[in-house]
Amino acid sequence: MNIKRIERFFVGILLMNAVADSYAIQFETISAGESFNKRTEGDSATLYTITGNCVLDGDVTLAPGSMLKFQGGSITGSGSITAERLIVDAMPYKIFGDSVAISGFGNDEVSAHWWGATGDGVTDDSFAVNRALQCAGTSWVVLENMTYRIDSTILLDKRGQRLRCHGIMTYSGNGAAVDLRNSYLELDINELRHSQCWEFSQHDTFVGSGVRFSWNVYNANVDVNKICFFERGLDLSPVLTNDATYSGIQYCKISWQYIVSRYGIYMDMVSGVGDKLTGNRIWINENQFNGGRLLCDYAIYSTEVDARYNDVVGLINGNVFNCIGIEGEGEIKTTAITLHNAWHNKFNDIRLSEGYVPVGNQWIILSKCGYNDFSFKSQIPFSSVSAVNCSHNKIDAAICDDGLGYYTEFDRMYILNGNPKYNPLNDSTGVDGGTFKLVTRDYVPSSEINRIYLGATEESPVGNKSLTIGFNELFYLHDYNGDEKQIVMTDKCFITVNDNSILNIIVENSLAHSWLKLELFCNVSSGSSIVIVNSDNTTITITESGTYRVRPVGPSTIGLFKMTDTKSEFVDAK
C-alpha cells in the first residue's frame, strides 16, 4: 500500500468513526465459515468486519453507507452485494470470489487484486481486471507497480469506467489489449506492451492494438506513458453495430510519452462499416492528440475511403495533433503522415526530421484532403509532400529558417488548388530565354514543380541566351491572389540549358545553415553552361549533364557535388 493510500485509509477510519458517532452505525463481525447473508439483516448502515472466509448465498442489499472491512478474510460463494456508497477497506489481495458481484461502490479507488489479480507477470490477470471494471462503476480500478499478464482484451464498455495501472501490462493476443466502447472513460497506464516482440527490429511481426477506440467513444481521457510493439499503438476504429446507423470517436483527449509500433496513431474508416456503404456514418472528429514520440513505420495514418458530408461512409475532421516527435530507428520503410479524406485538422509543432529516413522520399501523403494546417518544428524536404486531389492544405512555421535565404514573406508553403498551369518566374515579356515553373494539380509540391529551360527548346526556340537568376528563385514559386500569398517550395529543380546558352545562378544570401539536401538536375548541351556565382565572385561551372547536390559551406557560399550511383564527387570552383 503506497503512502497516499495509507493516508486515505486513516482518513477513512476517522470518517467511519465520525459516521458511527453521528448515526449510531452498527458493527458486525463475520468469522470464517459463517454465512454472509445471515449477518446482514437490518436497515441501518453497518460496518462489517470480515475476519475469515465467509460464504455468500444469493443476492444481498445492504443499507446505504455500509462498509466492508477485511482483516484477512474473504467472501466466496455466488450472488451479489449491493449498497449505495458501499465502502470497502482491504489490502490488495483476493477478497471476492469469482462469482461474487459488487455494485454501488463509494470508494474513489478499488484494487483489481480484490478479484484475484496477482501482478506476477506469469498468471493471466485479465479476468480479474475485467471483473473489477464490471463491479467498480465509476471508481478507479487500480493495478499496482507490478507486471500484469493480460491474455484477453480489457474491456471498458460502461459509461464512466476508469482504469489506472502504475506498472506494466503485457498482452499476448491478436486483438486489442484495451478496448474502449463508451463515453467519459478514463485510462491511465504507465506501460502497455505486447509480449510477442521486445524490440523495434521485429516490427514486421507486430500484431494487435494497444488501445482501441470502437463503437461510440466520446469525451474519453487516455494517458498512456508507453505503448510498445503492437501493430497499432493507438487504434481509432469506430464500428457500426447491427442496429446502429452511426458510430464516432469525438472530443477525446489522448496523451502519451512513447509509442513503438508499426502504426502509431491508426485511424480505420473502412473495416467498421462492413457492407453498409451508404447512408451510415462513422467519424473521428474534434479529438486532441498530445505527444509524445512516435517511433513507427507509419506514425500518423488513416485508411483510404471515399467520404463526403452527404451519403457519408467516413470522415476525419477537426482533430488537433500537438507537439508530436516523429522519429525513426534505422531505415523507416514508409511515411510519417498519411491522410485520406481528412479535413480541417491542425498539426501543431510537429517534429519529424531527426532520425526519420523514409524510403521513397515520401514523408507526407495527402489524398482527398482539405483545409489541413501543418506547423513543423523541423525542416523537411518540400518535394517529400504528396497531395493528390487536395484543396487548401497549408504547411508553415519552421519549414525553413532565415539562414536558408527565404525572406520572411516566403516562410509558408501553400498547396495550390487550381488547374494545371505554367507560371512565369518573371514577366515573360521582360525575360529572355523563357524561364518557367510548372505547378501541377495532383502533386504539389513534387519533383515536377520547378523546371527551367534556357536555349533552343520548345518553350524557348531561340538559342545563344544568357539569364541571371537568384538561387532561391530556383526553389520557390510565389503567386499573389489579392492579399493572399500562395507559396510553393521544393528541394529539387530541373534545368535544361541548350544551344550555347549560359545560366548564371547568384548564391549570395541564399544557403547559409541549410539542412535541406537541395538538388539540381542539369541537362547541359555542348557549348552551354550553368555558372554558380558565390558571394566572393568565385564561380562553379557545370558543363556536364547530371544530378548535383548543393551543400552550404559558409554564410553565402555553397559546395557542389556531382551525384552518381556509387559516389559523390566535389565540383571545384573555377
Protein backbone atom coordinates (compact mmCIF):
# COMPACT_ATOMS: atom_id res chain seq x y z
CA MET A 1 0.00 0.00 0.00
CA ASN A 2 1.55 3.34 -1.04
CA ILE A 3 1.76 6.49 1.13
CA LYS A 4 -1.25 8.19 -0.43
CA ARG A 5 -3.33 5.08 0.09
CA ILE A 6 -2.25 4.86 3.74
CA GLU A 7 -3.26 8.49 4.19
CA ARG A 8 -6.65 7.80 2.63
CA PHE A 9 -7.01 4.71 4.84
CA PHE A 10 -6.59 6.71 8.06
CA VAL A 11 -8.85 9.46 6.79
CA GLY A 12 -11.40 6.75 6.04
CA ILE A 13 -11.11 5.40 9.61
CA LEU A 14 -11.73 8.89 11.01
CA LEU A 15 -14.75 9.29 8.77
CA MET A 16 -16.02 5.87 9.76
CA ASN A 17 -15.76 6.82 13.43
CA ALA A 18 -17.49 10.11 12.77
CA VAL A 19 -20.30 8.32 10.96
CA ALA A 20 -20.59 5.82 13.78
CA ASP A 21 -20.85 8.58 16.39
CA SER A 22 -23.31 10.66 14.40
CA TYR A 23 -25.60 7.97 13.07
CA ALA A 24 -25.10 5.14 15.56
CA ILE A 25 -23.67 2.87 12.88
CA GLN A 26 -23.94 -0.83 13.68
CA PHE A 27 -20.98 -3.17 13.89
CA GLU A 28 -20.91 -6.82 12.85
CA THR A 29 -18.04 -9.32 12.83
CA ILE A 30 -18.23 -12.21 10.38
CA SER A 31 -15.86 -15.07 11.03
CA ALA A 32 -14.59 -17.97 8.95
CA GLY A 33 -17.26 -20.39 7.76
CA GLU A 34 -20.19 -18.09 8.54
CA SER A 35 -22.87 -17.15 6.04
CA PHE A 36 -22.63 -13.52 4.99
CA ASN A 37 -26.38 -13.47 4.28
CA LYS A 38 -27.45 -14.30 7.84
CA ARG A 39 -25.41 -11.49 9.37
CA THR A 40 -26.68 -8.68 7.17
CA GLU A 41 -30.21 -8.07 8.38
CA GLY A 42 -31.35 -4.56 9.39
CA ASP A 43 -31.90 -1.18 7.78
CA SER A 44 -29.03 0.80 9.38
CA ALA A 45 -25.61 1.38 7.88
CA THR A 46 -23.31 -1.29 9.23
CA LEU A 47 -19.56 -1.82 9.44
CA TYR A 48 -18.96 -5.49 8.65
CA THR A 49 -15.56 -6.74 9.81
CA ILE A 50 -14.66 -9.93 7.97
CA THR A 51 -12.02 -11.93 9.79
CA GLY A 52 -12.24 -15.22 7.89
CA ASN A 53 -13.55 -16.79 4.69
CA CYS A 54 -17.34 -16.46 4.73
CA VAL A 55 -19.91 -17.55 2.13
CA LEU A 56 -22.41 -15.53 0.10
CA ASP A 57 -25.52 -17.45 -0.94
CA GLY A 58 -27.72 -15.29 -3.17
CA ASP A 59 -28.24 -11.56 -3.51
CA VAL A 60 -27.90 -9.12 -0.61
CA THR A 61 -28.81 -5.43 -0.43
CA LEU A 62 -27.06 -3.51 2.36
CA ALA A 63 -28.15 -0.23 3.88
CA PRO A 64 -26.69 2.90 2.24
CA GLY A 65 -23.28 3.85 3.63
CA SER A 66 -22.43 0.34 4.82
CA MET A 67 -18.81 -0.78 4.95
CA LEU A 68 -16.88 -3.99 4.45
CA LYS A 69 -13.59 -4.18 6.36
CA PHE A 70 -11.45 -7.21 5.57
CA GLN A 71 -8.96 -8.46 8.14
CA GLY A 72 -7.51 -11.47 6.34
CA GLY A 73 -10.89 -12.85 5.29
CA SER A 74 -12.83 -13.07 2.03
CA ILE A 75 -16.33 -13.56 0.62
CA THR A 76 -16.80 -16.62 -1.61
CA GLY A 77 -19.88 -18.36 -2.97
CA SER A 78 -22.16 -16.66 -5.50
CA GLY A 79 -24.57 -13.77 -5.64
CA SER A 80 -24.43 -10.00 -5.48
CA ILE A 81 -23.82 -7.43 -2.76
CA THR A 82 -25.45 -4.08 -3.46
CA ALA A 83 -25.44 -0.86 -1.49
CA GLU A 84 -25.39 2.84 -2.17
CA ARG A 85 -21.99 4.35 -1.29
CA LEU A 86 -20.56 0.98 -0.22
CA ILE A 87 -17.07 1.39 1.25
CA VAL A 88 -14.60 -1.50 1.07
CA ASP A 89 -11.42 -1.41 3.13
CA ALA A 90 -8.89 -4.14 2.31
CA MET A 91 -5.27 -4.76 1.46
CA PRO A 92 -4.55 -5.74 -2.20
CA TYR A 93 -5.38 -9.48 -2.06
CA LYS A 94 -8.32 -11.54 -3.32
CA ILE A 95 -11.34 -10.79 -1.13
CA PHE A 96 -14.16 -11.63 -3.59
CA GLY A 97 -14.85 -15.00 -5.19
CA ASP A 98 -15.18 -15.26 -8.96
CA SER A 99 -18.97 -15.44 -8.73
CA VAL A 100 -19.42 -12.58 -6.26
CA ALA A 101 -20.67 -9.33 -7.82
CA ILE A 102 -20.43 -5.95 -6.12
CA SER A 103 -22.23 -2.74 -7.06
CA GLY A 104 -22.65 0.73 -5.60
CA PHE A 105 -19.04 1.45 -4.63
CA GLY A 106 -18.37 4.66 -2.77
CA ASN A 107 -14.58 4.16 -2.92
CA ASP A 108 -12.52 6.51 -5.06
CA GLU A 109 -10.27 3.53 -5.90
CA VAL A 110 -10.72 -0.24 -5.87
CA SER A 111 -7.95 -2.78 -6.32
CA ALA A 112 -8.02 -5.36 -9.12
CA HIS A 113 -6.28 -7.63 -6.62
CA TRP A 114 -9.60 -7.88 -4.74
CA TRP A 115 -10.83 -10.05 -7.63
CA GLY A 116 -7.63 -12.09 -7.90
CA ALA A 117 -5.08 -10.11 -9.91
CA THR A 118 -1.54 -11.19 -8.98
CA GLY A 119 0.83 -8.89 -10.86
CA ASP A 120 3.45 -11.67 -11.01
CA GLY A 121 3.87 -11.38 -14.80
CA VAL A 122 3.05 -15.10 -15.22
CA THR A 123 -0.59 -15.54 -14.19
CA ASP A 124 -3.27 -14.30 -16.59
CA ASP A 125 -4.87 -11.34 -14.79
CA SER A 126 -7.35 -10.36 -17.50
CA PHE A 127 -10.37 -11.97 -15.77
CA ALA A 128 -9.64 -10.19 -12.51
CA VAL A 129 -9.20 -6.79 -14.18
CA ASN A 130 -12.38 -7.16 -16.24
CA ARG A 131 -14.33 -8.34 -13.18
CA ALA A 132 -13.11 -5.33 -11.22
CA LEU A 133 -14.20 -2.99 -14.00
CA GLN A 134 -17.65 -4.61 -14.12
CA CYS A 135 -18.11 -4.07 -10.39
CA ALA A 136 -16.36 -0.74 -9.81
CA GLY A 137 -18.82 1.57 -11.53
CA THR A 138 -17.07 4.94 -11.88
CA SER A 139 -14.43 4.20 -9.22
CA TRP A 140 -10.83 3.86 -10.40
CA VAL A 141 -9.72 0.24 -10.85
CA VAL A 142 -6.09 0.27 -9.73
CA LEU A 143 -3.18 -2.01 -10.66
CA GLU A 144 -0.03 -1.73 -8.56
CA ASN A 145 3.53 -1.05 -9.74
CA MET A 146 3.87 -4.65 -10.88
CA THR A 147 3.75 -6.61 -14.15
CA TYR A 148 0.32 -7.88 -15.18
CA ARG A 149 -0.06 -10.54 -17.86
CA ILE A 150 -3.17 -9.93 -19.97
CA ASP A 151 -4.24 -12.73 -22.31
CA SER A 152 -7.71 -11.37 -23.10
CA THR A 153 -8.87 -7.87 -24.02
CA ILE A 154 -9.56 -5.47 -21.17
CA LEU A 155 -12.97 -4.00 -21.97
CA LEU A 156 -14.30 -0.62 -20.84
CA ASP A 157 -17.86 -0.65 -22.16
CA LYS A 158 -19.84 1.14 -19.43
CA ARG A 159 -20.10 4.91 -19.18
CA GLY A 160 -17.54 6.49 -16.84
CA GLN A 161 -15.32 3.45 -16.20
CA ARG A 162 -11.74 4.14 -15.10
CA LEU A 163 -8.56 2.07 -15.15
CA ARG A 164 -5.15 3.01 -13.75
CA CYS A 165 -2.01 0.87 -13.93
CA HIS A 166 1.12 2.03 -12.09
CA GLY A 167 3.20 -0.80 -13.57
CA ILE A 168 3.30 -2.78 -16.83
CA MET A 169 0.55 -4.61 -18.68
CA THR A 170 1.76 -7.26 -21.15
CA TYR A 171 -0.70 -8.50 -23.76
CA SER A 172 -0.36 -11.74 -25.73
CA GLY A 173 -3.37 -11.75 -28.07
CA ASN A 174 -4.04 -10.63 -31.65
CA GLY A 175 -6.86 -8.20 -30.83
CA ALA A 176 -6.80 -5.12 -28.62
CA ALA A 177 -5.10 -5.06 -25.24
CA VAL A 178 -7.58 -2.41 -24.05
CA ASP A 179 -10.84 -1.68 -25.89
CA LEU A 180 -12.87 1.49 -25.20
CA ARG A 181 -16.58 1.25 -26.10
CA ASN A 182 -18.40 4.01 -24.28
CA SER A 183 -18.22 7.65 -23.20
CA TYR A 184 -16.50 9.51 -20.35
CA LEU A 185 -13.96 6.72 -19.90
CA GLU A 186 -10.58 7.33 -18.27
CA LEU A 187 -7.40 5.36 -18.84
CA ASP A 188 -4.07 5.97 -17.09
CA ILE A 189 -1.41 3.33 -17.84
CA ASN A 190 2.31 3.52 -17.22
CA GLU A 191 3.31 0.93 -19.83
CA LEU A 192 1.45 -1.32 -22.25
CA ARG A 193 3.48 -3.98 -24.10
CA HIS A 194 2.89 -6.85 -26.44
CA SER A 195 4.65 -9.94 -25.14
CA GLN A 196 5.38 -11.39 -28.60
CA CYS A 197 8.00 -8.78 -29.57
CA TRP A 198 10.53 -6.90 -27.50
CA GLU A 199 12.38 -4.70 -29.99
CA PHE A 200 11.59 -2.50 -32.98
CA SER A 201 13.59 -4.65 -35.40
CA GLN A 202 10.75 -7.20 -35.21
CA HIS A 203 8.20 -4.68 -36.49
CA ASP A 204 7.21 -6.89 -39.44
CA THR A 205 5.74 -9.38 -36.95
CA PHE A 206 3.86 -6.89 -34.77
CA VAL A 207 0.22 -7.84 -34.09
CA GLY A 208 -2.71 -6.46 -32.14
CA SER A 209 -3.60 -2.99 -30.89
CA GLY A 210 -2.50 -1.26 -27.72
CA VAL A 211 -5.54 0.93 -27.03
CA ARG A 212 -8.51 0.66 -29.37
CA PHE A 213 -11.41 3.12 -29.60
CA SER A 214 -14.50 1.45 -31.07
CA TRP A 215 -18.26 1.99 -31.20
CA ASN A 216 -19.22 5.46 -29.87
CA VAL A 217 -16.42 6.87 -27.71
CA TYR A 218 -16.99 10.44 -26.53
CA ASN A 219 -15.10 12.59 -24.01
CA ALA A 220 -12.64 9.89 -23.02
CA ASN A 221 -9.35 10.83 -21.34
CA VAL A 222 -6.47 8.50 -22.22
CA ASP A 223 -2.94 8.88 -20.89
CA VAL A 224 -0.50 6.04 -21.61
CA ASN A 225 3.16 6.64 -20.89
CA LYS A 226 4.47 3.88 -23.20
CA ILE A 227 2.85 1.65 -25.83
CA CYS A 228 5.32 -0.83 -27.29
CA PHE A 229 5.48 -3.47 -30.02
CA PHE A 230 1.91 -3.58 -31.31
CA GLU A 231 0.75 -3.49 -34.93
CA ARG A 232 -1.30 -0.43 -33.94
CA GLY A 233 -0.44 1.66 -30.92
CA LEU A 234 -3.50 3.93 -30.73
CA ASP A 235 -6.21 2.32 -32.85
CA LEU A 236 -9.21 4.53 -33.64
CA SER A 237 -11.61 2.21 -35.47
CA PRO A 238 -15.28 3.10 -34.95
CA VAL A 239 -17.57 0.14 -35.63
CA LEU A 240 -21.18 0.16 -36.79
CA THR A 241 -23.14 -2.41 -34.80
CA ASN A 242 -26.09 -4.22 -36.34
CA ASP A 243 -28.69 -1.77 -35.03
CA ALA A 244 -26.64 1.44 -35.39
CA THR A 245 -26.70 3.96 -38.21
CA TYR A 246 -23.68 5.88 -36.95
CA SER A 247 -20.60 5.46 -34.79
CA GLY A 248 -17.96 8.02 -33.91
CA ILE A 249 -14.99 8.97 -31.78
CA GLN A 250 -15.25 12.56 -30.64
CA TYR A 251 -13.99 15.06 -28.02
CA CYS A 252 -11.41 12.61 -26.63
CA LYS A 253 -8.09 13.74 -25.13
CA ILE A 254 -5.24 11.34 -25.83
CA SER A 255 -1.70 11.69 -24.45
CA TRP A 256 1.39 9.53 -24.48
CA GLN A 257 5.13 9.74 -24.00
CA TYR A 258 6.45 6.99 -26.27
CA ILE A 259 4.85 4.68 -28.85
CA VAL A 260 6.83 1.98 -30.65
CA SER A 261 4.54 0.22 -33.12
CA ARG A 262 4.12 -0.39 -36.82
CA TYR A 263 1.32 2.20 -36.82
CA GLY A 264 1.43 4.90 -34.15
CA ILE A 265 -1.96 6.61 -34.49
CA TYR A 266 -4.11 4.42 -36.75
CA MET A 267 -7.49 5.68 -37.97
CA ASP A 268 -9.57 2.99 -39.69
CA MET A 269 -12.54 4.40 -41.58
CA VAL A 270 -13.28 1.28 -43.61
CA SER A 271 -13.46 -2.03 -41.71
CA GLY A 272 -16.06 -0.86 -39.21
CA VAL A 273 -18.58 -0.12 -41.94
CA GLY A 274 -18.85 -3.67 -43.26
CA ASP A 275 -21.43 -3.92 -46.05
CA LYS A 276 -23.12 -0.64 -45.10
CA LEU A 277 -21.60 1.54 -47.78
CA THR A 278 -24.29 4.24 -47.95
CA GLY A 279 -26.48 6.12 -45.53
CA ASN A 280 -24.44 5.21 -42.46
CA ARG A 281 -21.84 7.36 -40.77
CA ILE A 282 -18.60 6.80 -38.96
CA TRP A 283 -16.25 9.61 -37.98
CA ILE A 284 -13.23 10.67 -35.96
CA ASN A 285 -13.84 14.30 -35.05
CA GLU A 286 -12.61 17.02 -32.69
CA ASN A 287 -10.16 14.87 -30.72
CA GLN A 288 -6.87 16.06 -29.21
CA PHE A 289 -3.65 14.07 -29.60
CA ASN A 290 -0.87 15.33 -27.33
CA GLY A 291 2.59 13.82 -27.89
CA GLY A 292 4.82 12.16 -27.16
CA ARG A 293 7.13 10.45 -29.58
CA LEU A 294 6.14 8.08 -32.36
CA LEU A 295 8.77 5.57 -33.42
CA CYS A 296 6.78 3.79 -36.09
CA ASP A 297 6.74 2.71 -39.72
CA TYR A 298 3.57 4.77 -40.13
CA ALA A 299 3.42 7.46 -37.47
CA ILE A 300 0.00 9.00 -38.19
CA TYR A 301 -2.09 7.01 -40.65
CA SER A 302 -5.67 6.84 -41.90
CA THR A 303 -7.15 4.23 -44.19
CA GLU A 304 -8.41 5.25 -47.60
CA VAL A 305 -12.15 5.63 -48.03
CA ASP A 306 -14.33 7.70 -50.34
CA ALA A 307 -16.08 10.03 -47.87
CA ARG A 308 -18.36 13.02 -48.28
CA TYR A 309 -20.57 15.06 -45.98
CA ASN A 310 -23.68 13.63 -47.61
CA ASP A 311 -24.08 9.89 -48.06
CA VAL A 312 -21.23 9.55 -45.59
CA VAL A 313 -19.08 6.48 -45.17
CA GLY A 314 -16.36 8.01 -43.02
CA LEU A 315 -14.80 11.34 -42.19
CA ILE A 316 -11.83 12.62 -40.17
CA ASN A 317 -12.49 16.22 -39.20
CA GLY A 318 -11.39 18.90 -36.75
CA ASN A 319 -8.75 16.92 -34.83
CA VAL A 320 -5.71 18.60 -33.27
CA PHE A 321 -2.28 16.95 -33.09
CA ASN A 322 0.06 18.76 -30.67
CA CYS A 323 3.83 18.57 -30.04
CA ILE A 324 4.49 15.17 -31.58
CA GLY A 325 8.00 13.96 -32.35
CA ILE A 326 8.04 11.52 -35.25
CA GLU A 327 11.26 9.54 -35.17
CA GLY A 328 12.85 6.51 -36.73
CA GLU A 329 15.19 3.71 -35.78
CA GLY A 330 17.43 2.74 -38.64
CA GLU A 331 15.71 2.88 -42.02
CA ILE A 332 12.00 3.63 -41.89
CA LYS A 333 10.16 1.99 -44.76
CA THR A 334 7.07 4.14 -45.13
CA THR A 335 5.68 7.58 -44.28
CA ALA A 336 5.40 9.93 -41.34
CA ILE A 337 1.88 11.23 -42.02
CA THR A 338 -0.62 9.56 -44.37
CA LEU A 339 -4.13 11.00 -44.52
CA HIS A 340 -7.16 10.21 -46.66
CA ASN A 341 -10.34 12.32 -46.56
CA ALA A 342 -9.10 14.39 -43.62
CA TRP A 343 -10.49 17.93 -43.35
CA HIS A 344 -9.92 20.93 -41.08
CA ASN A 345 -7.31 19.20 -38.90
CA LYS A 346 -4.39 21.00 -37.25
CA PHE A 347 -0.88 19.64 -36.72
CA ASN A 348 0.93 21.94 -34.28
CA ASP A 349 4.68 21.84 -33.56
CA ILE A 350 5.37 18.51 -35.25
CA ARG A 351 9.00 17.38 -35.30
CA LEU A 352 9.91 14.71 -37.82
CA SER A 353 13.30 15.29 -39.41
CA GLU A 354 15.58 13.92 -36.71
CA GLY A 355 16.25 10.24 -37.22
CA TYR A 356 13.49 9.85 -39.79
CA VAL A 357 14.72 8.45 -43.12
CA PRO A 358 11.80 7.26 -45.27
CA VAL A 359 12.37 5.03 -48.27
CA GLY A 360 10.99 6.53 -51.48
CA ASN A 361 11.35 10.09 -50.20
CA GLN A 362 7.70 10.33 -49.15
CA TRP A 363 7.24 11.97 -45.77
CA ILE A 364 3.68 13.25 -46.01
CA ILE A 365 0.95 11.80 -48.26
CA LEU A 366 -2.42 13.54 -48.56
CA SER A 367 -5.33 12.25 -50.62
CA LYS A 368 -8.72 13.99 -50.95
CA CYS A 369 -7.85 16.22 -48.00
CA GLY A 370 -8.70 19.85 -47.44
CA TYR A 371 -8.07 22.80 -45.10
CA ASN A 372 -5.45 20.99 -43.01
CA ASP A 373 -2.75 23.14 -41.36
CA PHE A 374 0.72 21.78 -40.63
CA SER A 375 3.23 23.52 -38.38
CA PHE A 376 6.65 21.88 -38.05
CA LYS A 377 9.49 22.42 -35.59
CA SER A 378 11.97 20.95 -38.06
CA GLN A 379 12.85 21.13 -41.70
CA ILE A 380 11.52 18.69 -44.27
CA PRO A 381 12.25 18.32 -47.99
CA PHE A 382 9.40 20.08 -49.74
CA SER A 383 9.29 17.55 -52.55
CA SER A 384 8.53 14.85 -49.97
CA VAL A 385 4.96 16.10 -49.59
CA SER A 386 2.46 14.44 -51.94
CA ALA A 387 -1.02 15.95 -52.29
CA VAL A 388 -3.49 14.25 -54.63
CA ASN A 389 -6.93 15.74 -55.23
CA CYS A 390 -6.47 18.11 -52.31
CA SER A 391 -7.63 21.62 -51.57
CA HIS A 392 -6.34 24.42 -49.33
CA ASN A 393 -3.79 22.48 -47.30
CA LYS A 394 -1.08 24.65 -45.76
CA ILE A 395 2.36 23.98 -44.33
CA ASP A 396 4.03 26.77 -42.41
CA ALA A 397 6.27 27.69 -39.48
CA ALA A 398 9.71 26.07 -39.39
CA ILE A 399 9.79 24.62 -42.89
CA CYS A 400 12.94 26.66 -43.49
CA ASP A 401 14.81 29.13 -41.36
CA ASP A 402 16.08 32.60 -42.24
CA GLY A 403 19.51 31.13 -42.85
CA LEU A 404 18.17 29.30 -45.86
CA GLY A 405 17.68 32.62 -47.53
CA TYR A 406 13.95 32.63 -47.98
CA TYR A 407 12.72 36.00 -46.85
CA THR A 408 10.13 36.22 -44.10
CA GLU A 409 7.29 36.68 -46.57
CA PHE A 410 8.21 33.32 -48.09
CA ASP A 411 8.13 31.18 -44.97
CA ARG A 412 4.92 29.38 -45.87
CA MET A 413 4.04 26.69 -48.33
CA TYR A 414 0.50 26.53 -49.66
CA ILE A 415 -0.58 23.57 -51.73
CA LEU A 416 -2.33 25.32 -54.58
CA ASN A 417 -5.73 24.19 -55.78
CA GLY A 418 -6.24 25.15 -59.40
CA ASN A 419 -5.96 24.00 -62.96
CA PRO A 420 -2.50 22.92 -64.16
CA LYS A 421 -0.75 25.97 -65.48
CA TYR A 422 2.63 27.45 -66.35
CA ASN A 423 3.72 30.27 -64.10
CA PRO A 424 6.44 32.58 -65.44
CA LEU A 425 9.23 33.11 -62.99
CA ASN A 426 9.18 36.74 -64.12
CA ASP A 427 7.17 38.68 -66.67
CA SER A 428 7.70 36.64 -69.83
CA THR A 429 7.87 39.80 -71.94
CA GLY A 430 10.84 41.08 -69.94
CA VAL A 431 12.94 37.97 -69.61
CA ASP A 432 14.85 36.39 -72.44
CA GLY A 433 15.06 32.67 -72.53
CA GLY A 434 11.51 31.80 -71.43
CA THR A 435 12.04 30.65 -67.84
CA PHE A 436 9.03 28.77 -66.48
CA LYS A 437 8.00 26.85 -63.41
CA LEU A 438 5.38 24.17 -63.71
CA VAL A 439 2.78 23.66 -60.97
CA THR A 440 0.72 20.50 -61.31
CA ARG A 441 -2.60 19.98 -59.60
CA ASP A 442 -2.31 16.43 -58.29
CA TYR A 443 1.21 16.53 -56.92
CA VAL A 444 2.26 19.72 -55.21
CA PRO A 445 4.99 20.15 -54.28
CA SER A 446 6.68 17.41 -56.26
CA SER A 447 9.72 16.64 -58.32
CA GLU A 448 7.85 18.26 -61.21
CA ILE A 449 7.36 21.63 -59.55
CA ASN A 450 10.32 23.58 -60.93
CA ARG A 451 11.56 23.28 -64.50
CA ILE A 452 13.76 25.93 -66.10
CA TYR A 453 14.53 25.93 -69.83
CA LEU A 454 17.14 28.11 -71.49
CA GLY A 455 18.22 27.92 -75.11
CA ALA A 456 16.65 26.26 -78.10
CA THR A 457 13.70 24.32 -76.68
CA GLU A 458 10.02 24.20 -77.48
CA GLU A 459 9.41 26.80 -74.78
CA SER A 460 12.35 28.97 -75.90
CA PRO A 461 13.12 28.37 -79.56
CA VAL A 462 15.97 30.89 -79.84
CA GLY A 463 19.40 29.91 -78.50
CA ASN A 464 22.52 31.88 -77.56
CA LYS A 465 20.85 33.31 -74.49
CA SER A 466 22.11 34.44 -71.11
CA LEU A 467 19.98 34.59 -67.94
CA THR A 468 20.90 35.57 -64.37
CA ILE A 469 18.76 34.31 -61.50
CA GLY A 470 18.98 34.13 -57.71
CA PHE A 471 19.46 30.68 -56.25
CA ASN A 472 16.34 30.97 -54.09
CA GLU A 473 14.22 31.50 -57.17
CA LEU A 474 15.06 28.01 -58.32
CA PHE A 475 13.26 26.53 -55.34
CA TYR A 476 10.16 28.60 -54.76
CA LEU A 477 7.25 29.95 -56.70
CA HIS A 478 5.09 32.78 -55.40
CA ASP A 479 1.76 33.93 -56.70
CA TYR A 480 -0.25 36.75 -55.17
CA ASN A 481 -4.01 36.34 -55.14
CA GLY A 482 -5.16 39.69 -53.80
CA ASP A 483 -3.53 39.99 -50.38
CA GLU A 484 -3.15 36.23 -50.08
CA LYS A 485 0.31 34.84 -50.71
CA GLN A 486 0.39 31.40 -52.27
CA ILE A 487 3.86 29.93 -51.88
CA VAL A 488 5.18 26.63 -53.20
CA MET A 489 8.66 25.37 -52.37
CA THR A 490 10.65 22.31 -53.30
CA ASP A 491 14.12 20.89 -52.72
CA LYS A 492 14.58 19.99 -56.40
CA CYS A 493 14.97 21.98 -59.60
CA PHE A 494 15.18 20.62 -63.16
CA ILE A 495 17.27 22.77 -65.51
CA THR A 496 17.83 22.43 -69.26
CA VAL A 497 20.39 24.72 -70.96
CA ASN A 498 20.84 24.27 -74.71
CA ASP A 499 22.42 25.87 -77.79
CA ASN A 500 25.39 27.85 -76.46
CA SER A 501 23.39 29.49 -73.66
CA ILE A 502 24.53 30.41 -70.15
CA LEU A 503 22.51 30.36 -66.93
CA ASN A 504 24.11 32.41 -64.13
CA ILE A 505 22.93 31.50 -60.62
CA ILE A 506 23.70 34.00 -57.83
CA VAL A 507 24.23 32.35 -54.46
CA GLU A 508 24.68 35.38 -52.20
CA ASN A 509 22.35 35.34 -49.16
CA SER A 510 20.87 32.04 -50.19
CA LEU A 511 22.11 28.94 -48.44
CA ALA A 512 23.67 29.57 -45.05
CA HIS A 513 22.94 26.87 -42.48
CA SER A 514 20.53 24.96 -44.71
CA TRP A 515 19.63 21.44 -43.63
CA LEU A 516 17.82 20.62 -46.84
CA LYS A 517 19.54 18.43 -49.44
CA LEU A 518 18.88 20.72 -52.37
CA GLU A 519 19.37 19.06 -55.74
CA LEU A 520 19.82 20.39 -59.24
CA PHE A 521 19.00 18.08 -62.15
CA CYS A 522 21.01 19.54 -65.01
CA ASN A 523 20.76 18.84 -68.73
CA VAL A 524 23.54 20.84 -70.41
CA SER A 525 24.27 20.64 -74.14
CA SER A 526 27.68 21.13 -75.72
CA GLY A 527 28.72 24.77 -75.69
CA SER A 528 26.29 25.67 -72.86
CA SER A 529 26.94 26.01 -69.14
CA ILE A 530 25.46 26.76 -65.74
CA VAL A 531 27.61 29.14 -63.67
CA ILE A 532 27.08 29.36 -59.92
CA VAL A 533 28.49 32.60 -58.52
CA ASN A 534 29.43 32.74 -54.84
CA SER A 535 29.41 35.87 -52.70
CA ASP A 536 33.15 36.43 -53.25
CA ASN A 537 32.62 36.16 -57.03
CA THR A 538 34.27 32.76 -57.30
CA THR A 539 32.38 30.51 -59.68
CA ILE A 540 31.47 26.86 -60.04
CA THR A 541 30.74 25.91 -63.63
CA ILE A 542 28.61 22.99 -64.72
CA THR A 543 29.23 21.78 -68.25
CA GLU A 544 28.20 18.13 -67.90
CA SER A 545 24.68 16.82 -67.54
CA GLY A 546 23.80 15.10 -64.29
CA THR A 547 22.41 15.40 -60.78
CA TYR A 548 24.15 17.86 -58.46
CA ARG A 549 23.60 18.24 -54.73
CA VAL A 550 24.12 21.61 -53.10
CA ARG A 551 25.57 21.92 -49.60
CA PRO A 552 26.29 25.10 -47.64
CA VAL A 553 29.93 25.67 -46.71
CA GLY A 554 29.64 29.24 -45.46
CA PRO A 555 27.16 32.07 -44.84
CA SER A 556 26.83 32.76 -48.57
CA THR A 557 28.90 30.02 -50.17
CA ILE A 558 27.96 26.59 -51.43
CA GLY A 559 29.70 23.38 -52.24
CA LEU A 560 28.51 21.45 -55.28
CA PHE A 561 28.76 17.67 -55.62
CA LYS A 562 28.02 15.62 -58.70
CA MET A 563 26.00 12.58 -57.71
CA THR A 564 26.38 9.12 -59.23
CA ASP A 565 25.02 5.74 -58.23
CA THR A 566 28.17 4.93 -56.29
CA LYS A 567 29.78 8.17 -55.14
CA SER A 568 29.61 11.92 -54.66
CA GLU A 569 32.30 13.95 -56.44
CA PHE A 570 33.04 17.57 -55.47
CA VAL A 571 32.88 20.12 -58.30
CA ASP A 572 35.80 22.59 -57.93
CA ALA A 573 35.37 26.34 -58.13
CA LYS A 574 36.80 27.93 -61.25
